[in-house]
Protein backbone atom coordinates (compact mmCIF):
# COMPACT_ATOMS: atom_id res chain seq x y z
CA LEU A 1 -1.84 14.43 35.23
CA ILE A 2 -0.68 10.89 35.86
CA ARG A 3 -0.83 7.80 33.71
CA TRP A 4 -4.08 5.82 33.92
CA LYS A 5 -2.35 2.64 35.09
CA ILE A 6 -0.62 4.46 37.95
CA PHE A 7 -3.82 6.31 38.86
CA LYS A 8 -5.72 3.05 39.24
CA ARG A 9 -3.09 1.62 41.58
CA TRP A 10 -2.87 4.77 43.69
CA ALA A 11 -6.66 5.09 43.96
CA ILE A 12 -6.86 1.59 45.43
CA GLN A 13 -3.97 2.35 47.81
CA ILE A 14 -5.66 5.54 49.08
CA LEU A 15 -8.82 3.53 49.69
CA LYS A 16 -6.88 0.92 51.63
CA GLY A 17 -5.19 3.64 53.68
CA LEU A 18 -8.51 5.22 54.69
CA GLU A 19 -10.04 1.82 55.42
CA TYR A 20 -7.18 1.06 57.80
CA LEU A 21 -7.41 4.45 59.57
CA HIS A 22 -11.16 4.16 60.03
CA SER A 23 -10.78 0.60 61.32
CA GLN A 24 -8.57 2.14 64.03
CA ASP A 25 -11.30 4.75 64.80
CA ILE A 26 -9.25 7.57 63.26
CA VAL A 27 -10.53 10.12 60.74
CA TYR A 28 -7.91 11.85 58.59
CA ARG A 29 -9.70 15.16 57.76
CA ASP A 30 -7.08 16.59 55.39
CA LEU A 31 -6.62 14.12 52.55
CA LYS A 32 -5.00 15.70 49.49
CA PRO A 33 -2.07 14.97 47.14
CA ASP A 34 0.24 17.14 49.28
CA ASN A 35 -0.28 14.67 52.12
CA CYS A 36 0.48 11.61 50.02
CA LEU A 37 4.00 10.26 49.65
CA VAL A 38 5.02 7.92 46.84
CA VAL A 39 7.68 5.42 47.85
CA ASP A 40 9.57 4.30 44.75
CA THR A 41 11.33 0.96 44.91
CA LYS A 42 12.71 -1.25 42.15
CA GLN A 43 9.60 -3.42 42.32
CA LYS A 44 6.82 -0.79 42.36
CA LYS A 45 5.61 2.64 43.43
CA THR A 46 3.55 2.68 46.62
CA LEU A 47 1.43 5.62 47.76
CA LYS A 48 1.31 6.28 51.51
CA VAL A 49 -0.78 8.80 53.44
CA ILE A 50 1.37 11.05 55.68
CA ASP A 51 1.03 14.08 58.01
CA PHE A 52 -1.66 13.30 60.58
CA GLY A 53 -1.73 16.80 62.08
CA LEU A 54 -5.49 17.22 61.65
CA SER A 55 -6.44 13.61 62.34
CA LYS A 56 -8.87 12.90 65.15
CA GLY A 57 -10.75 10.09 66.82
CA LEU A 58 -13.99 9.26 65.02
CA ASP A 59 -16.10 10.07 68.08
CA SER A 60 -14.37 13.39 68.80
CA ALA A 61 -14.20 14.88 65.27
CA LYS A 62 -16.71 17.71 65.53
CA THR A 63 -14.84 20.91 64.62
CA LEU A 64 -16.01 22.75 61.50
CA GLY A 65 -13.69 24.42 59.00
CA ILE A 66 -11.00 21.74 59.36
CA GLY A 67 -8.87 20.88 56.33
CA THR A 68 -7.95 22.55 53.05
CA PRO A 69 -10.76 24.56 51.36
CA ASP A 70 -10.63 22.84 47.95
CA TYR A 71 -11.07 19.44 49.62
CA MET A 72 -13.59 20.31 52.35
CA ALA A 73 -17.06 18.77 52.22
CA PRO A 74 -20.14 21.08 52.33
CA GLU A 75 -20.92 20.12 55.93
CA LEU A 76 -17.48 21.38 56.99
CA ILE A 77 -17.93 24.86 55.57
CA GLY A 78 -21.18 25.91 57.15
CA ALA A 79 -23.87 24.29 55.05
CA PRO A 80 -26.59 23.61 57.70
CA SER A 81 -28.68 21.48 55.37
CA ARG A 82 -25.76 19.07 55.08
CA MET A 83 -25.33 18.58 58.84
CA LYS A 84 -26.78 15.76 60.90
CA SER A 85 -30.20 16.34 62.38
CA GLY A 86 -28.67 16.68 65.84
CA GLY A 87 -25.75 18.77 64.62
CA GLY A 88 -22.25 17.66 63.75
CA TYR A 89 -21.17 15.59 60.78
CA ASP A 90 -20.12 12.10 59.77
CA PRO A 91 -16.28 12.25 59.76
CA ILE A 92 -15.98 9.19 57.51
CA LYS A 93 -17.99 10.95 54.80
CA ILE A 94 -15.58 13.92 55.16
CA ASP A 95 -12.67 11.68 54.18
CA VAL A 96 -14.68 10.19 51.31
CA PHE A 97 -15.37 13.66 49.89
CA ALA A 98 -11.69 14.66 50.12
CA MET A 99 -10.72 11.39 48.43
CA GLY A 100 -13.12 12.18 45.60
CA VAL A 101 -11.52 15.60 45.09
CA THR A 102 -8.06 14.02 45.22
CA LEU A 103 -8.91 11.41 42.59
CA TYR A 104 -10.51 14.03 40.36
CA LEU A 105 -7.39 16.22 40.58
CA MET A 106 -5.04 13.30 39.96
CA LEU A 107 -7.05 12.21 36.94
CA LEU A 108 -7.89 15.54 35.28
CA GLY A 109 -5.24 17.91 36.60
CA ARG A 110 -7.66 20.52 37.96
CA TYR A 111 -9.83 21.11 41.01
CA PRO A 112 -13.44 20.01 40.54
CA PHE A 113 -15.07 22.97 42.29
CA GLU A 114 -12.77 25.76 41.14
CA ASP A 115 -14.43 28.40 38.95
CA PRO A 116 -12.14 28.93 35.91
CA THR A 117 -13.28 32.54 35.72
CA ASN A 118 -12.92 33.23 39.44
CA HIS A 119 -10.18 31.45 41.38
CA SER A 120 -11.16 32.82 44.77
CA THR A 121 -11.63 30.53 47.76
CA LEU A 122 -15.08 32.05 48.33
CA SER A 123 -16.19 31.04 44.83
CA THR A 124 -14.86 27.51 45.36
CA MET A 125 -16.74 27.15 48.65
CA LYS A 126 -19.93 28.37 47.01
CA ASN A 127 -19.61 25.64 44.36
CA ILE A 128 -18.86 23.03 47.01
CA ARG A 129 -22.00 23.91 48.98
CA ALA A 130 -24.11 23.71 45.82
CA GLY A 131 -22.42 20.56 44.54
CA ASN A 132 -21.40 22.28 41.30
CA PHE A 133 -18.29 20.73 39.83
CA ALA A 134 -16.93 20.56 36.31
CA ARG A 135 -17.78 17.24 34.73
CA PRO A 136 -15.43 16.17 31.92
CA GLN A 137 -16.73 15.58 28.43
CA LYS A 138 -17.94 12.11 27.61
CA GLY A 139 -15.10 9.75 26.75
CA VAL A 140 -12.37 11.79 28.46
CA ILE A 141 -12.15 9.35 31.36
CA ASP A 142 -13.58 5.92 32.12
CA SER A 143 -17.35 6.23 32.71
CA ASP A 144 -17.25 3.92 35.74
CA ALA A 145 -14.43 5.98 37.29
CA LEU A 146 -16.43 9.18 36.73
CA ASN A 147 -19.53 7.62 38.29
CA LEU A 148 -17.48 6.64 41.33
CA ILE A 149 -16.08 10.17 41.76
CA GLU A 150 -19.52 11.75 41.28
CA ASN A 151 -20.91 9.63 44.11
CA MET A 152 -17.95 10.51 46.33
CA LEU A 153 -18.57 14.23 45.71
CA ALA A 154 -22.31 14.16 46.43
CA PRO A 155 -23.07 17.32 48.45
CA ASP A 156 -25.57 15.46 50.63
CA PRO A 157 -23.57 13.21 52.99
CA GLU A 158 -26.56 10.87 53.26
CA LYS A 159 -26.29 10.20 49.53
CA ARG A 160 -22.49 10.27 49.40
CA PHE A 161 -20.73 6.93 49.09
CA SER A 162 -19.38 5.19 52.17
CA LEU A 163 -16.05 3.34 52.03
CA LYS A 164 -18.03 0.11 51.65
CA ASP A 165 -19.87 1.60 48.67
CA ILE A 166 -16.54 2.55 47.13
CA ARG A 167 -15.11 -0.90 47.73
CA ASN A 168 -18.13 -2.54 46.10
CA HIS A 169 -18.29 -0.16 43.13
CA THR A 170 -17.91 -1.70 39.68
CA TRP A 171 -14.74 0.25 38.86
CA VAL A 172 -12.97 -0.67 42.10
CA GLN A 173 -13.96 -4.33 41.86
CA ARG A 174 -12.71 -4.49 38.29
CA GLU A 175 -9.40 -2.85 39.15
CA ARG A 176 -8.96 -5.00 42.26
CA GLU A 177 -9.39 -8.12 40.14
CA GLN A 178 -6.69 -6.85 37.79
CA GLU A 179 -4.50 -5.94 40.76
CA ILE A 180 -4.88 -9.43 42.21
CA LEU A 181 -3.94 -10.95 38.86
CA LEU A 182 -0.87 -8.69 38.70
CA GLN A 183 0.10 -9.63 42.25
CA GLU A 184 -0.28 -13.31 41.44
CA TYR A 185 1.85 -12.83 38.34
CA ASP A 186 4.51 -10.95 40.34
CA GLU A 187 4.54 -13.70 42.95
CA PHE A 188 4.86 -16.32 40.22
CA GLU A 189 7.77 -14.41 38.66
CA LYS A 190 9.44 -14.19 42.07
CA ARG A 191 9.04 -17.92 42.67
CA LEU A 192 10.36 -18.61 39.18
CA GLN A 193 13.41 -16.43 39.81
CA ASP A 194 14.02 -18.23 43.12
CA VAL A 195 13.86 -21.59 41.31
CA ARG A 196 16.30 -20.34 38.66
CA ARG A 197 18.74 -19.02 41.28
CA GLN A 198 18.53 -22.31 43.20
CA LYS A 199 19.21 -24.24 40.01
CA GLU A 200 22.19 -21.99 39.22
CA ARG A 201 23.58 -22.58 42.72
CA GLU A 202 23.15 -26.32 42.35
CA GLU A 203 24.86 -26.30 38.93
CA GLU A 204 27.73 -24.19 40.31
CA ALA A 205 28.12 -26.55 43.26
CA LYS A 206 28.15 -29.50 40.83
CA ARG A 207 30.85 -27.86 38.70
CA GLN A 208 32.97 -27.23 41.77
CA ARG A 209 32.67 -30.89 42.86
CA GLU A 210 33.64 -32.06 39.37
CA GLN A 211 36.65 -29.72 39.37
CA GLU A 212 37.72 -31.01 42.80
CA ILE A 213 37.40 -34.61 41.63
CA SER A 214 39.39 -33.87 38.45
CA LEU A 215 42.09 -32.08 40.43
CA LYS A 216 42.32 -34.96 42.90
CA ARG A 217 42.71 -37.52 40.10
CA TYR A 218 45.38 -35.36 38.45
CA LYS A 219 47.40 -35.24 41.66
CA GLU A 220 47.13 -39.00 42.02
């Protein structure tokens, strides 16, 4: 489990990462915490998506069974009713589903489709195909965040959120507004520190000039 504040930031960063990849006509196909790297600097922690071994061009991503079972959408594991009418699948919706599983795991510390009484991969895949995942009790997590994840995990890709839907969702918009405010505050603090350092340099330069003048008068 991770702290709520950190989760919110990382969720937005994962979204931005997928948006960038898809804008470059690349589908990731194996999004999961193991493929996310957190870069820790003095200023902040930044989550980056790594390991593009299963990535593919959007137009050429057609192979089934690609990815890690716990994060694979129904259409990837042989659910004909979830495929496109002409066969194949929407690779963008594959990444959305995996992002939903990732956020669920980060937030609740367990896999959404894992059967607590049967931890087999076969049981997990059965739940994925049926869209059966463990919903937390009311009040455990933010209701808007849960609604977002539920829409990302919709078994029918036609009903599953797109990245645009995620971006426009109430929870994301609210958190982005807070993020923007935090960024503006950080930028203000940085500018304020720059002003303070400049003032300190000016005061130090003034002291040095006064010392030089005093020393010159003493020698005279």
